N, C-alpha and C. Protein backbone atom coordinates (compact mmCIF):
# COMPACT_ATOMS: atom_id res chain seq x y z
N MET A 1 117.54 6.28 174.36
CA MET A 1 117.28 7.56 175.41
C MET A 1 118.27 7.39 176.08
N SER A 2 117.98 9.00 177.31
CA SER A 2 118.83 8.47 178.32
C SER A 2 118.41 7.91 179.39
N VAL A 3 118.89 7.40 180.14
CA VAL A 3 118.25 6.28 181.17
C VAL A 3 118.11 7.78 182.99
N TYR A 4 117.33 7.46 183.84
CA TYR A 4 117.39 7.81 184.93
C TYR A 4 118.86 8.04 185.50
N THR A 5 119.29 9.06 186.66
CA THR A 5 120.39 9.14 187.16
C THR A 5 119.62 9.78 188.17
N LEU A 6 121.15 9.38 189.20
CA LEU A 6 120.80 9.72 191.19
C LEU A 6 121.02 11.86 190.95
N PRO A 7 120.40 12.11 191.11
CA PRO A 7 120.83 13.60 191.29
C PRO A 7 121.79 14.14 192.46
N GLU A 8 122.68 14.92 192.50
CA GLU A 8 123.48 15.67 193.58
C GLU A 8 122.62 16.20 194.66
N LEU A 9 122.95 15.63 196.00
CA LEU A 9 122.26 16.48 196.80
C LEU A 9 122.96 17.71 196.95
N PRO A 10 121.59 18.90 197.26
CA PRO A 10 121.89 20.11 197.06
C PRO A 10 122.62 20.71 198.35
N TYR A 11 123.39 19.98 199.12
CA TYR A 11 123.80 20.49 200.73
C TYR A 11 124.65 19.01 200.75
N ASP A 12 125.71 19.24 202.15
CA ASP A 12 125.70 17.94 202.63
C ASP A 12 125.31 17.52 203.66
N TYR A 13 125.67 15.90 204.13
CA TYR A 13 125.37 14.70 204.46
C TYR A 13 124.47 15.55 206.38
N ALA A 14 125.37 17.08 206.56
CA ALA A 14 125.08 17.31 207.81
C ALA A 14 124.03 18.50 207.82
N ALA A 15 123.88 19.15 206.81
CA ALA A 15 123.13 20.06 206.73
C ALA A 15 121.81 20.29 207.06
N LEU A 16 121.32 19.28 207.41
CA LEU A 16 119.68 19.68 207.84
C LEU A 16 119.76 19.05 209.71
N GLU A 17 121.04 18.89 210.17
CA GLU A 17 120.78 18.83 211.55
C GLU A 17 120.55 19.53 212.11
N PRO A 18 119.61 19.32 213.54
CA PRO A 18 119.29 18.33 213.88
C PRO A 18 117.97 17.62 213.72
N VAL A 19 117.56 18.49 212.85
CA VAL A 19 115.76 17.77 212.33
C VAL A 19 116.34 16.40 211.73
N ILE A 20 117.22 16.06 210.72
CA ILE A 20 117.59 14.96 209.93
C ILE A 20 119.16 14.65 210.34
N ASN A 21 119.56 13.82 210.74
CA ASN A 21 121.16 13.47 210.78
C ASN A 21 121.63 13.14 209.83
N PRO A 22 122.99 13.03 209.88
CA PRO A 22 123.59 13.04 208.27
C PRO A 22 123.70 11.53 208.13
N ALA A 23 123.42 10.31 209.18
CA ALA A 23 123.24 9.01 208.78
C ALA A 23 122.17 8.68 208.08
N ILE A 24 121.08 9.31 208.16
CA ILE A 24 119.85 9.09 207.35
C ILE A 24 119.92 9.69 206.53
N ILE A 25 120.33 10.88 205.98
CA ILE A 25 120.80 11.10 204.67
C ILE A 25 121.46 10.57 203.77
N GLU A 26 122.52 10.27 204.27
CA GLU A 26 123.56 9.77 203.36
C GLU A 26 122.72 8.23 203.10
N LEU A 27 122.73 7.61 204.04
CA LEU A 27 121.52 6.11 203.76
C LEU A 27 120.38 6.66 202.79
N HIS A 28 119.16 7.52 203.11
CA HIS A 28 118.41 7.78 202.47
C HIS A 28 118.69 7.97 200.91
N HIS A 29 119.41 9.11 200.82
CA HIS A 29 119.91 9.59 199.28
C HIS A 29 120.92 8.35 198.57
N ASP A 30 121.95 7.85 198.96
CA ASP A 30 122.94 6.87 198.61
C ASP A 30 122.60 5.24 198.60
N LYS A 31 121.48 5.43 199.11
CA LYS A 31 121.13 3.63 198.93
C LYS A 31 119.52 3.66 198.65
N HIS A 32 118.75 3.90 199.13
CA HIS A 32 117.31 4.21 198.83
C HIS A 32 117.14 4.82 197.44
N HIS A 33 117.44 6.03 197.64
CA HIS A 33 117.17 6.83 196.19
C HIS A 33 117.88 6.47 195.12
N ALA A 34 118.84 5.51 195.19
CA ALA A 34 119.88 5.01 194.35
C ALA A 34 118.90 3.71 193.71
N ALA A 35 118.35 3.27 194.69
CA ALA A 35 117.60 1.71 194.13
C ALA A 35 116.54 2.25 193.32
N TYR A 36 115.75 3.35 193.63
CA TYR A 36 114.87 3.54 193.00
C TYR A 36 114.76 3.68 191.13
N VAL A 37 116.05 4.28 191.65
CA VAL A 37 116.89 4.88 189.95
C VAL A 37 117.51 3.64 189.59
N LYS A 38 118.04 3.10 189.97
CA LYS A 38 118.43 2.35 189.33
C LYS A 38 117.19 1.00 189.26
N GLY A 39 115.89 0.79 189.68
CA GLY A 39 114.56 0.08 189.38
C GLY A 39 114.35 0.33 188.28
N ALA A 40 114.19 1.74 187.96
CA ALA A 40 113.20 2.55 186.62
C ALA A 40 114.09 2.10 185.49
N ASN A 41 115.35 2.19 185.72
CA ASN A 41 116.18 2.06 184.28
C ASN A 41 116.52 0.27 184.27
N ASP A 42 116.30 -0.67 185.06
CA ASP A 42 116.26 -2.32 185.04
C ASP A 42 115.01 -2.32 184.35
N THR A 43 113.87 -1.87 184.86
CA THR A 43 112.08 -1.88 184.33
C THR A 43 112.54 -1.52 182.69
N LEU A 44 113.11 -0.57 182.60
CA LEU A 44 112.82 0.15 181.14
C LEU A 44 113.56 -1.25 180.02
N GLU A 45 114.63 -1.70 180.72
CA GLU A 45 115.33 -2.78 179.49
C GLU A 45 114.60 -3.92 179.95
N GLN A 46 113.56 -4.30 180.87
CA GLN A 46 112.89 -5.34 180.94
C GLN A 46 112.26 -5.14 180.09
N LEU A 47 111.31 -4.24 179.65
CA LEU A 47 110.39 -3.73 178.67
C LEU A 47 110.62 -3.81 177.29
N ALA A 48 111.86 -3.60 177.01
CA ALA A 48 112.82 -3.44 175.84
C ALA A 48 112.50 -4.88 175.41
N GLU A 49 112.85 -5.38 176.62
CA GLU A 49 112.87 -7.09 175.98
C GLU A 49 111.87 -7.25 175.33
N ALA A 50 110.99 -7.28 176.49
CA ALA A 50 109.57 -7.93 175.92
C ALA A 50 108.66 -7.21 174.80
N ARG A 51 109.36 -5.97 174.25
CA ARG A 51 109.03 -5.65 172.98
C ARG A 51 109.64 -6.54 171.70
N ASP A 52 110.54 -6.42 171.71
CA ASP A 52 111.89 -7.13 171.10
C ASP A 52 111.05 -8.56 170.65
N LYS A 53 110.65 -9.48 171.72
CA LYS A 53 110.42 -10.91 171.56
C LYS A 53 109.08 -10.88 171.51
N ASP A 54 108.51 -9.83 171.73
CA ASP A 54 106.74 -10.17 171.77
C ASP A 54 106.47 -10.99 172.98
N GLN A 55 107.01 -10.90 174.02
CA GLN A 55 106.57 -11.65 175.52
C GLN A 55 106.27 -10.74 176.37
N TRP A 56 104.62 -10.83 176.53
CA TRP A 56 103.75 -10.01 177.01
C TRP A 56 103.22 -10.32 178.62
N GLY A 57 103.91 -11.63 178.58
CA GLY A 57 103.92 -12.46 180.34
C GLY A 57 103.47 -11.66 181.54
N ALA A 58 104.95 -10.83 181.75
CA ALA A 58 105.18 -10.11 182.51
C ALA A 58 104.59 -8.41 182.76
N VAL A 59 104.15 -8.05 181.28
CA VAL A 59 104.18 -6.88 181.56
C VAL A 59 103.32 -5.89 182.20
N THR A 60 102.12 -6.90 183.12
CA THR A 60 101.38 -6.27 183.84
C THR A 60 102.38 -5.81 185.62
N GLY A 61 103.37 -6.78 185.67
CA GLY A 61 104.28 -6.64 186.70
C GLY A 61 105.40 -5.67 186.82
N LEU A 62 105.35 -5.19 185.36
CA LEU A 62 106.62 -4.82 184.71
C LEU A 62 106.30 -3.09 185.12
N GLU A 63 105.29 -2.75 184.26
CA GLU A 63 104.37 -1.48 184.67
C GLU A 63 104.07 -0.81 185.98
N LYS A 64 103.90 -1.89 186.66
CA LYS A 64 103.84 -1.82 188.23
C LYS A 64 104.87 -1.12 189.05
N SER A 65 105.86 -2.06 188.68
CA SER A 65 107.61 -1.92 188.52
C SER A 65 108.21 -0.54 188.55
N LEU A 66 107.59 -0.07 187.39
CA LEU A 66 108.30 1.29 186.65
C LEU A 66 107.52 2.30 187.43
N ALA A 67 106.11 2.10 187.51
CA ALA A 67 105.52 2.92 188.10
C ALA A 67 106.14 3.33 189.88
N PHE A 68 106.14 2.23 190.33
CA PHE A 68 106.86 2.35 191.71
C PHE A 68 107.96 2.75 191.74
N ASN A 69 109.01 3.00 191.08
CA ASN A 69 110.45 2.98 191.18
C ASN A 69 110.74 4.52 190.22
N LEU A 70 109.80 4.75 189.37
CA LEU A 70 109.76 5.81 189.02
C LEU A 70 109.49 7.42 189.84
N SER A 71 108.33 6.89 190.27
CA SER A 71 107.30 7.84 190.82
C SER A 71 108.43 7.99 192.47
N GLY A 72 108.99 6.81 193.41
CA GLY A 72 110.29 6.87 193.67
C GLY A 72 111.04 7.70 193.79
N HIS A 73 112.07 7.94 192.25
CA HIS A 73 112.69 8.49 191.90
C HIS A 73 112.47 10.04 191.62
N ILE A 74 111.11 10.38 191.65
CA ILE A 74 110.74 11.70 191.02
C ILE A 74 110.40 12.62 192.59
N LEU A 75 109.99 11.47 193.44
CA LEU A 75 109.46 12.70 194.77
C LEU A 75 110.88 12.66 195.21
N HIS A 76 111.66 11.65 195.56
CA HIS A 76 112.86 11.56 195.97
C HIS A 76 113.73 13.04 195.50
N SER A 77 113.48 12.97 194.09
CA SER A 77 114.43 14.19 193.40
C SER A 77 113.97 15.74 194.12
N ILE A 78 112.80 15.59 194.30
CA ILE A 78 111.29 16.88 194.58
C ILE A 78 112.35 17.13 196.38
N TYR A 79 111.89 16.10 196.79
CA TYR A 79 112.08 16.01 198.54
C TYR A 79 113.18 16.56 198.78
N TRP A 80 114.71 16.24 198.18
CA TRP A 80 115.96 16.77 198.61
C TRP A 80 115.82 18.63 198.84
N HIS A 81 115.14 19.13 197.12
CA HIS A 81 115.32 20.60 197.41
C HIS A 81 114.43 21.00 198.12
N ASN A 82 113.39 20.56 198.54
CA ASN A 82 112.03 21.07 199.75
C ASN A 82 112.98 21.42 200.74
N MET A 83 113.91 21.03 201.17
CA MET A 83 114.51 21.17 202.58
C MET A 83 115.30 22.12 202.63
N THR A 84 115.94 22.71 203.11
CA THR A 84 117.05 23.50 203.46
C THR A 84 117.71 23.20 205.25
N GLY A 85 118.69 23.78 205.41
CA GLY A 85 119.21 24.03 206.88
C GLY A 85 118.62 25.37 207.37
N ASP A 86 118.38 26.19 206.48
CA ASP A 86 117.98 27.58 207.26
C ASP A 86 116.72 27.94 207.01
N GLY A 87 115.47 26.78 207.03
CA GLY A 87 113.93 26.59 206.14
C GLY A 87 113.24 26.92 207.13
N GLY A 88 112.11 26.81 207.23
CA GLY A 88 110.85 26.89 208.42
C GLY A 88 109.83 27.81 208.32
N GLY A 89 109.86 28.27 208.94
CA GLY A 89 108.70 28.89 209.34
C GLY A 89 107.58 29.02 208.57
N GLU A 90 107.05 30.59 208.35
CA GLU A 90 105.78 30.05 207.38
C GLU A 90 105.93 31.03 206.28
N PRO A 91 105.73 30.33 205.07
CA PRO A 91 105.94 31.54 203.90
C PRO A 91 105.15 33.00 203.79
N LEU A 92 105.86 33.73 204.10
CA LEU A 92 105.44 35.38 203.55
C LEU A 92 105.77 36.18 202.82
N ALA A 93 104.91 37.44 202.19
CA ALA A 93 105.34 37.94 201.23
C ALA A 93 106.50 38.64 201.01
N GLU A 94 106.72 39.16 202.46
CA GLU A 94 108.75 39.84 202.56
C GLU A 94 109.42 38.98 202.63
N ASP A 95 109.28 37.51 202.26
CA ASP A 95 110.01 36.92 201.75
C ASP A 95 110.37 36.42 200.41
N GLY A 96 109.45 37.05 199.45
CA GLY A 96 109.46 36.73 198.50
C GLY A 96 108.47 35.62 197.80
N VAL A 97 107.76 35.28 198.55
CA VAL A 97 106.86 34.28 198.46
C VAL A 97 105.56 34.24 198.59
N GLY A 98 105.06 35.33 198.39
CA GLY A 98 104.06 36.36 198.60
C GLY A 98 102.94 35.34 198.24
N GLU A 99 102.72 34.82 196.47
CA GLU A 99 101.81 34.32 195.69
C GLU A 99 101.59 32.81 196.17
N LEU A 100 102.53 32.45 196.76
CA LEU A 100 102.51 31.00 197.26
C LEU A 100 101.26 30.87 198.64
N ALA A 101 101.61 32.05 199.50
CA ALA A 101 101.21 32.00 200.54
C ALA A 101 99.87 32.13 200.52
N ASP A 102 99.48 33.18 199.62
CA ASP A 102 98.01 34.02 199.14
C ASP A 102 97.57 32.34 198.58
N ALA A 103 98.07 31.77 197.90
CA ALA A 103 97.54 30.36 197.33
C ALA A 103 97.00 29.34 198.26
N ILE A 104 98.16 29.41 199.39
CA ILE A 104 97.57 28.38 200.65
C ILE A 104 96.63 28.92 201.51
N ARG A 105 96.17 30.19 201.44
CA ARG A 105 95.06 30.65 202.44
C ARG A 105 94.09 30.67 201.66
N GLU A 106 94.22 30.55 200.22
CA GLU A 106 92.89 30.65 199.24
C GLU A 106 92.02 29.07 199.55
N SER A 107 93.02 28.32 199.44
CA SER A 107 93.02 27.08 199.01
C SER A 107 92.55 25.86 200.93
N PHE A 108 93.23 26.71 201.45
CA PHE A 108 93.17 25.33 202.97
C PHE A 108 92.49 26.23 203.41
N GLY A 109 92.12 28.15 203.70
CA GLY A 109 91.51 29.00 204.61
C GLY A 109 92.72 29.68 205.38
N SER A 110 93.70 29.14 205.99
CA SER A 110 94.68 29.58 206.42
C SER A 110 96.07 28.95 206.71
N PHE A 111 97.13 29.54 206.70
CA PHE A 111 98.42 28.71 206.94
C PHE A 111 98.12 27.40 207.61
N ALA A 112 97.68 27.67 208.69
CA ALA A 112 97.93 26.91 210.52
C ALA A 112 96.72 25.22 209.85
N GLY A 113 95.51 25.96 208.94
CA GLY A 113 94.76 24.61 208.58
C GLY A 113 95.45 23.98 207.10
N PHE A 114 96.35 24.36 207.01
CA PHE A 114 97.15 23.56 205.59
C PHE A 114 98.41 22.93 206.21
N LYS A 115 98.86 23.50 207.38
CA LYS A 115 99.63 22.50 207.93
C LYS A 115 99.41 21.51 208.72
N ALA A 116 98.02 21.44 209.65
CA ALA A 116 97.45 20.52 209.82
C ALA A 116 97.07 19.86 209.07
N GLN A 117 96.64 19.78 207.95
CA GLN A 117 96.04 19.00 206.90
C GLN A 117 97.89 18.15 206.32
N LEU A 118 98.78 18.44 206.13
CA LEU A 118 99.06 17.97 205.41
C LEU A 118 100.35 17.29 206.78
N THR A 119 100.33 17.66 207.97
CA THR A 119 100.69 17.14 209.22
C THR A 119 100.26 15.76 208.95
N LYS A 120 98.89 15.68 209.11
CA LYS A 120 97.79 14.45 209.33
C LYS A 120 98.02 13.91 208.27
N ALA A 121 97.77 13.97 207.37
CA ALA A 121 97.87 13.09 205.89
C ALA A 121 99.53 12.30 205.79
N ALA A 122 100.45 13.21 206.20
CA ALA A 122 101.67 12.22 206.50
C ALA A 122 101.73 11.07 207.22
N ALA A 123 101.46 12.07 208.90
CA ALA A 123 101.97 11.12 209.69
C ALA A 123 100.79 9.45 209.75
N THR A 124 99.58 9.57 208.98
CA THR A 124 98.36 8.94 209.04
C THR A 124 98.42 7.66 208.14
N THR A 125 99.61 8.22 206.63
CA THR A 125 99.43 7.08 206.19
C THR A 125 100.01 6.04 206.61
N GLN A 126 99.29 4.89 206.28
CA GLN A 126 99.45 3.53 206.77
C GLN A 126 100.29 3.14 206.19
N GLY A 127 101.55 2.21 206.54
CA GLY A 127 102.44 1.87 206.62
C GLY A 127 103.42 2.65 205.36
N SER A 128 103.92 2.58 204.02
CA SER A 128 104.92 3.30 203.72
C SER A 128 103.88 4.54 202.68
N GLY A 129 104.61 5.55 202.45
CA GLY A 129 104.03 6.42 201.99
C GLY A 129 104.72 8.26 202.08
N TRP A 130 103.88 8.74 201.83
CA TRP A 130 104.12 10.51 201.40
C TRP A 130 102.88 11.32 202.08
N GLY A 131 103.08 12.14 202.62
CA GLY A 131 102.01 13.58 202.33
C GLY A 131 102.65 14.53 201.51
N VAL A 132 101.56 14.92 200.44
CA VAL A 132 102.09 15.47 199.52
C VAL A 132 101.36 17.10 199.05
N LEU A 133 101.88 18.16 199.03
CA LEU A 133 100.90 19.62 198.84
C LEU A 133 101.21 19.52 197.44
N ALA A 134 100.13 19.49 196.36
CA ALA A 134 100.61 19.40 195.07
C ALA A 134 99.38 20.57 194.34
N TYR A 135 99.90 20.97 193.14
CA TYR A 135 98.98 21.81 192.21
C TYR A 135 98.08 21.26 191.70
N GLU A 136 96.87 21.53 191.39
CA GLU A 136 95.66 20.74 190.90
C GLU A 136 95.19 21.89 189.70
N PRO A 137 95.54 21.18 188.40
CA PRO A 137 95.40 22.11 187.37
C PRO A 137 93.89 22.59 186.95
N LEU A 138 93.06 21.58 187.47
CA LEU A 138 91.54 21.80 186.43
C LEU A 138 91.10 23.12 187.37
N SER A 139 90.94 22.82 188.82
CA SER A 139 90.72 23.85 189.42
C SER A 139 91.31 25.28 189.75
N GLY A 140 92.52 24.90 189.63
CA GLY A 140 93.74 26.11 189.67
C GLY A 140 93.99 26.33 191.39
N ARG A 141 93.66 24.85 192.07
CA ARG A 141 93.83 25.07 193.69
C ARG A 141 94.95 24.23 193.82
N LEU A 142 95.80 24.61 194.99
CA LEU A 142 96.52 23.31 195.55
C LEU A 142 95.79 22.50 196.61
N ILE A 143 95.94 21.18 196.80
CA ILE A 143 95.45 20.32 197.36
C ILE A 143 96.90 19.36 198.15
N VAL A 144 95.94 18.84 199.25
CA VAL A 144 97.03 17.59 199.89
C VAL A 144 96.27 16.64 199.37
N GLU A 145 97.64 15.35 199.20
CA GLU A 145 97.37 14.08 198.60
C GLU A 145 97.97 13.15 199.91
N GLN A 146 97.58 12.25 200.22
CA GLN A 146 97.99 11.36 201.19
C GLN A 146 98.73 9.90 200.00
N ILE A 147 100.27 9.91 200.14
CA ILE A 147 100.35 8.53 198.68
C ILE A 147 100.53 7.35 199.57
N TYR A 148 100.12 6.40 198.85
CA TYR A 148 100.85 5.04 199.77
C TYR A 148 101.73 4.15 198.64
N ASP A 149 102.44 4.10 199.13
CA ASP A 149 104.11 3.86 198.90
C ASP A 149 104.34 4.83 198.11
N HIS A 150 104.86 5.18 196.40
CA HIS A 150 105.21 6.47 196.00
C HIS A 150 103.91 6.27 194.77
N GLN A 151 103.03 5.53 194.46
CA GLN A 151 102.90 6.13 193.15
C GLN A 151 101.26 6.13 193.14
N GLY A 152 100.58 5.54 194.64
CA GLY A 152 98.90 4.90 194.97
C GLY A 152 98.48 6.61 195.29
N ASN A 153 97.41 6.52 194.92
CA ASN A 153 96.34 7.43 195.70
C ASN A 153 96.26 8.78 195.32
N VAL A 154 96.65 8.95 194.15
CA VAL A 154 97.15 10.62 193.14
C VAL A 154 96.08 11.07 192.44
N GLY A 155 95.83 12.50 192.21
CA GLY A 155 94.94 13.07 191.30
C GLY A 155 96.00 13.12 190.11
N GLN A 156 95.26 12.56 189.40
CA GLN A 156 95.95 12.45 187.65
C GLN A 156 96.16 13.90 187.32
N GLY A 157 97.28 14.21 186.91
CA GLY A 157 97.57 15.68 186.48
C GLY A 157 97.84 16.46 187.63
N SER A 158 98.04 16.19 188.51
CA SER A 158 98.01 17.14 190.03
C SER A 158 100.05 17.60 189.75
N THR A 159 100.45 17.87 190.32
CA THR A 159 102.21 18.48 190.00
C THR A 159 102.48 18.68 191.81
N PRO A 160 103.26 18.14 192.41
CA PRO A 160 103.32 17.89 193.73
C PRO A 160 104.47 18.85 193.51
N ILE A 161 104.33 19.79 194.98
CA ILE A 161 105.51 20.84 195.18
C ILE A 161 106.11 20.90 196.32
N LEU A 162 105.84 20.15 197.24
CA LEU A 162 106.31 19.90 198.72
C LEU A 162 105.62 18.47 199.08
N VAL A 163 106.91 17.78 199.88
CA VAL A 163 106.50 16.29 200.06
C VAL A 163 107.28 16.05 201.21
N PHE A 164 106.35 14.92 202.02
CA PHE A 164 106.99 14.96 202.89
C PHE A 164 107.16 13.48 203.49
N ASP A 165 108.17 12.56 202.96
CA ASP A 165 108.38 11.33 202.92
C ASP A 165 108.04 10.69 204.64
N ALA A 166 107.09 9.63 204.29
CA ALA A 166 106.74 9.24 205.69
C ALA A 166 107.18 7.62 205.79
N TRP A 167 108.25 7.27 204.65
CA TRP A 167 108.89 5.91 204.94
C TRP A 167 109.95 5.81 205.99
N GLU A 168 109.60 4.77 206.39
CA GLU A 168 110.37 4.21 207.78
C GLU A 168 111.65 5.12 207.28
N HIS A 169 112.13 4.28 206.59
CA HIS A 169 113.96 4.98 206.38
C HIS A 169 113.86 5.95 206.28
N ALA A 170 113.06 6.87 205.99
CA ALA A 170 113.24 8.59 206.05
C ALA A 170 113.79 8.85 207.56
N PHE A 171 113.36 8.17 208.91
CA PHE A 171 113.51 8.96 210.08
C PHE A 171 113.76 7.66 211.15
N TYR A 172 113.82 6.16 210.58
CA TYR A 172 113.56 5.34 212.09
C TYR A 172 115.09 5.50 212.69
N LEU A 173 116.20 5.56 211.94
CA LEU A 173 117.50 5.80 212.58
C LEU A 173 117.31 6.74 214.02
N GLN A 174 116.80 7.72 213.57
CA GLN A 174 116.61 8.89 214.63
C GLN A 174 115.60 8.90 215.39
N TYR A 175 114.27 8.70 214.92
CA TYR A 175 113.21 9.16 215.47
C TYR A 175 112.63 7.97 215.96
N LYS A 176 112.98 6.90 215.57
CA LYS A 176 112.71 4.85 215.70
C LYS A 176 111.20 5.29 215.41
N ASN A 177 110.15 4.71 216.15
CA ASN A 177 108.83 4.84 215.37
C ASN A 177 107.86 5.72 215.49
N GLN A 178 108.58 6.65 216.20
CA GLN A 178 107.93 8.33 216.29
C GLN A 178 107.48 8.81 215.13
N LYS A 179 106.80 8.50 214.47
CA LYS A 179 106.68 9.25 212.88
C LYS A 179 105.89 10.71 212.77
N VAL A 180 104.83 10.35 214.02
CA VAL A 180 104.50 12.01 214.12
C VAL A 180 105.73 13.26 214.57
N ASP A 181 106.58 13.01 215.25
CA ASP A 181 107.62 13.51 215.88
C ASP A 181 108.47 14.19 214.85
N PHE A 182 108.84 12.81 213.78
CA PHE A 182 109.41 13.25 212.77
C PHE A 182 108.71 14.27 211.66
N ILE A 183 107.57 14.17 211.49
CA ILE A 183 106.96 14.98 210.54
C ILE A 183 106.97 16.61 210.87
N GLU A 184 106.37 16.70 212.18
CA GLU A 184 106.41 17.68 213.83
C GLU A 184 107.55 18.26 213.07
N ALA A 185 108.74 17.80 213.24
CA ALA A 185 110.00 18.29 212.92
C ALA A 185 110.19 18.90 211.69
N MET A 186 109.90 18.47 209.92
CA MET A 186 110.53 18.77 209.31
C MET A 186 109.84 19.87 209.05
N TRP A 187 108.79 20.56 209.46
CA TRP A 187 108.68 22.06 209.14
C TRP A 187 109.43 22.89 209.33
N ARG A 188 110.04 22.50 210.31
CA ARG A 188 111.75 23.60 210.29
C ARG A 188 112.53 23.27 209.58
N VAL A 189 112.50 22.44 208.46
CA VAL A 189 113.63 22.38 206.80
C VAL A 189 113.14 22.83 205.76
N VAL A 190 111.40 23.37 205.74
CA VAL A 190 110.73 23.16 204.54
C VAL A 190 111.32 24.56 204.03
N ASN A 191 111.67 24.54 202.67
CA ASN A 191 112.48 25.24 201.44
C ASN A 191 111.24 26.30 200.74
N TRP A 192 110.78 26.93 201.56
CA TRP A 192 109.72 27.87 201.03
C TRP A 192 109.93 28.57 199.57
N GLN A 193 111.22 28.82 199.33
CA GLN A 193 111.53 29.16 198.38
C GLN A 193 111.76 28.56 197.16
N ASP A 194 111.86 27.17 197.60
CA ASP A 194 112.08 26.11 196.01
C ASP A 194 110.23 25.90 196.39
N VAL A 195 109.43 26.20 197.19
CA VAL A 195 108.32 25.49 197.08
C VAL A 195 107.57 26.31 196.03
N ALA A 196 107.90 27.54 196.06
CA ALA A 196 107.25 28.87 195.81
C ALA A 196 107.76 28.90 194.27
N ARG A 197 108.67 28.50 193.49
CA ARG A 197 109.19 28.26 192.36
C ARG A 197 108.30 27.04 191.66
N ARG A 198 108.29 25.90 192.50
CA ARG A 198 107.54 25.04 192.08
C ARG A 198 106.26 25.24 191.63
N TYR A 199 105.85 26.42 192.38
CA TYR A 199 104.54 26.61 192.31
C TYR A 199 104.04 27.14 191.26
N ALA A 200 104.96 28.00 191.05
CA ALA A 200 104.88 29.01 189.57
C ALA A 200 105.05 28.15 188.69
N SER A 201 106.05 27.32 188.35
CA SER A 201 106.50 26.67 187.46
C SER A 201 104.87 25.61 187.00
N ALA A 202 103.99 24.98 188.04
CA ALA A 202 103.10 24.58 187.85
C ALA A 202 101.80 24.89 187.46
N LYS A 203 101.81 26.17 188.19
CA LYS A 203 100.69 27.29 187.64
C LYS A 203 100.99 27.76 185.83
N ALA A 204 101.96 27.61 185.63
CA ALA A 204 102.11 28.56 184.58
C ALA A 204 101.74 27.56 183.08
N ARG A 205 101.77 25.95 183.88
CA ARG A 205 101.43 25.06 182.86
C ARG A 205 99.78 24.00 183.02
N GLU A 206 98.91 25.26 183.85
CA GLU A 206 97.48 24.83 183.95
C GLU A 206 96.56 24.04 183.32
N ASN A 207 97.36 24.39 181.82
CA ASN A 207 96.27 24.53 180.65
C ASN A 207 96.62 22.82 180.30
N VAL A 208 98.09 22.11 180.70
CA VAL A 208 98.68 20.84 179.76
C VAL A 208 97.27 20.07 180.08
N LEU A 209 96.91 20.01 180.87
CA LEU A 209 95.60 18.44 181.14
C LEU A 209 94.70 18.75 180.28
N LEU A 210 93.88 19.22 179.87
CA LEU A 210 93.02 19.38 179.34
C LEU A 210 93.09 20.53 178.37
N ALA A 211 93.25 20.21 176.89
CA ALA A 211 93.09 21.50 175.70
C ALA A 211 92.05 22.23 175.71
N PRO A 212 91.92 23.21 175.63
CA PRO A 212 90.98 24.47 175.09
C PRO A 212 89.95 23.57 173.90
């Protein structure tokens, strides 16, 4: 079976300046994201060894490790594409993302209300975590999730379409301990075209959770 691989960045290290400086992008992608990929692959090998030897004493820890590292890999893979140097603003119909804009208004009342909720969710995550906009297939609505580490507090079946990394390694070299400032700045680089594509894809799979 194939193993997990570190995806290439869709831009160069300096593409998101001044919101995120090149040193952070390089360290974040080449070291931190790479570590989650390696961690997921190493854990799969350890689980295979446990199956072969029928040694299950460490299975609880291994399953937690797999969830942590795999979720870290998935969220970061979304994160890189959720950003662009010429992004930001508000999703608008004239930019070809009207369906997403309508869904945000229907789910949160207004773009301003959505922006405030996701900002607060990301900025107030205790310790390490993420603020996430996700498509929830049972209701067909968008929801905001506050994820601790990479895998905690997630609605089962919800699909992340926009993620704000609130781990210190995402901002500390530039923003120090001012996480709120970093989250506010993130809105200037949101790639709404990418978010809209992810929304359309998630919506097309809306019946995958519970079969009719």
